[in-house]
Amino acid sequence: MSRQSISFTDPNDEWLKKNVGTGGEYKSNSEAINDLIRKARKEQDEIEYIRAKLIASEKSVEQFGWVDKDRDEMLKGFKDRLRANGEL
């Protein structure tokens, strides 16, 4: 595990003081910072996942065009395709 020295802005330092130690959510500054970084990394992973899904969706629209069927027509088409493939 690496050790680093970091500086905090006044508002962030106050937040740490309120949330670390007796009565706080965290036992140490390191625990707080590591938890915040884990949350930021998870959020970044979720954003990248959503971005990838949006890109795939945009490519699908480019490839197949806009859907002009209603929900029931689309469901029937999906079921027909699954039945034809022996999956349903």
Protein backbone atom coordinates (compact mmCIF):
# COMPACT_ATOMS: atom_id res chain seq x y z
CA MET A 1 0.00 0.00 0.00
CA SER A 2 1.43 3.38 -0.93
CA ARG A 3 1.55 6.41 1.34
CA GLN A 4 0.94 9.92 0.08
CA SER A 5 0.76 13.36 1.54
CA ILE A 6 -2.18 15.39 0.29
CA SER A 7 -3.60 18.82 0.98
CA PHE A 8 -7.28 19.63 1.45
CA THR A 9 -9.28 22.75 0.80
CA ASP A 10 -10.86 24.24 3.91
CA PRO A 11 -14.37 22.89 3.15
CA ASN A 12 -13.00 19.38 2.53
CA ASP A 13 -10.90 19.53 5.69
CA GLU A 14 -13.99 20.51 7.71
CA TRP A 15 -15.94 17.64 6.16
CA LEU A 16 -13.19 15.19 7.13
CA LYS A 17 -13.11 16.51 10.68
CA LYS A 18 -16.87 16.03 11.01
CA ASN A 19 -16.87 12.52 9.53
CA VAL A 20 -13.68 10.97 10.94
CA GLY A 21 -13.12 9.81 14.48
CA THR A 22 -15.49 9.68 17.43
CA GLY A 23 -19.06 9.83 16.22
CA GLY A 24 -18.00 10.00 12.58
CA GLU A 25 -18.67 7.51 9.84
CA TYR A 26 -14.95 6.74 9.37
CA LYS A 27 -12.17 5.78 11.78
CA SER A 28 -9.40 7.56 9.88
CA ASN A 29 -8.78 10.03 7.08
CA SER A 30 -7.33 7.17 5.01
CA GLU A 31 -10.50 5.12 5.43
CA ALA A 32 -12.64 8.09 4.38
CA ILE A 33 -10.53 8.93 1.34
CA ASN A 34 -10.32 5.30 0.20
CA ASP A 35 -14.10 4.94 0.53
CA LEU A 36 -14.69 8.11 -1.46
CA ILE A 37 -12.31 6.92 -4.17
CA ARG A 38 -14.05 3.51 -4.30
CA LYS A 39 -17.41 5.26 -4.71
CA ALA A 40 -16.02 7.53 -7.44
CA ARG A 41 -14.53 4.52 -9.28
CA LYS A 42 -17.83 2.63 -9.06
CA GLU A 43 -19.69 5.67 -10.38
CA GLN A 44 -17.18 5.99 -13.22
CA ASP A 45 -17.64 2.29 -14.10
CA GLU A 46 -21.42 2.77 -14.15
CA ILE A 47 -21.10 5.84 -16.38
CA GLU A 48 -18.81 3.94 -18.78
CA TYR A 49 -21.29 1.03 -18.87
CA ILE A 50 -24.19 3.36 -19.66
CA ARG A 51 -22.11 5.21 -22.26
CA ALA A 52 -21.26 1.90 -23.97
CA LYS A 53 -24.94 0.91 -24.00
CA LEU A 54 -25.90 4.28 -25.48
CA ILE A 55 -23.24 3.98 -28.18
CA ALA A 56 -24.44 0.47 -29.03
CA SER A 57 -28.01 1.75 -29.17
CA GLU A 58 -27.03 4.62 -31.46
CA LYS A 59 -25.22 2.20 -33.77
CA SER A 60 -28.29 -0.04 -33.77
CA VAL A 61 -30.45 2.88 -34.85
CA GLU A 62 -27.91 3.76 -37.56
CA GLN A 63 -27.89 0.15 -38.75
CA PHE A 64 -31.58 -0.72 -38.50
CA GLY A 65 -33.34 2.65 -38.40
CA TRP A 66 -36.01 3.88 -36.01
CA VAL A 67 -38.56 1.39 -34.78
CA ASP A 68 -41.98 2.04 -36.21
CA LYS A 69 -43.76 -0.83 -34.49
CA ASP A 70 -45.72 -0.64 -31.29
CA ARG A 71 -44.91 -2.71 -28.21
CA ASP A 72 -47.22 -5.62 -29.08
CA GLU A 73 -45.89 -5.90 -32.65
CA MET A 74 -42.31 -5.92 -31.39
CA LEU A 75 -43.10 -8.57 -28.76
CA LYS A 76 -44.77 -10.77 -31.39
CA GLY A 77 -41.72 -10.40 -33.65
CA PHE A 78 -39.35 -11.36 -30.84
CA LYS A 79 -41.43 -14.42 -29.95
CA ASP A 80 -41.72 -15.46 -33.61
CA ARG A 81 -37.93 -15.21 -34.00
CA LEU A 82 -37.32 -17.24 -30.81
CA ARG A 83 -39.81 -19.91 -31.92
CA ALA A 84 -38.16 -20.12 -35.35
CA ASN A 85 -34.78 -20.66 -33.64
CA GLY A 86 -36.25 -23.29 -31.31
CA GLU A 87 -35.54 -21.13 -28.26
CA LEU A 88 -39.16 -20.75 -27.22
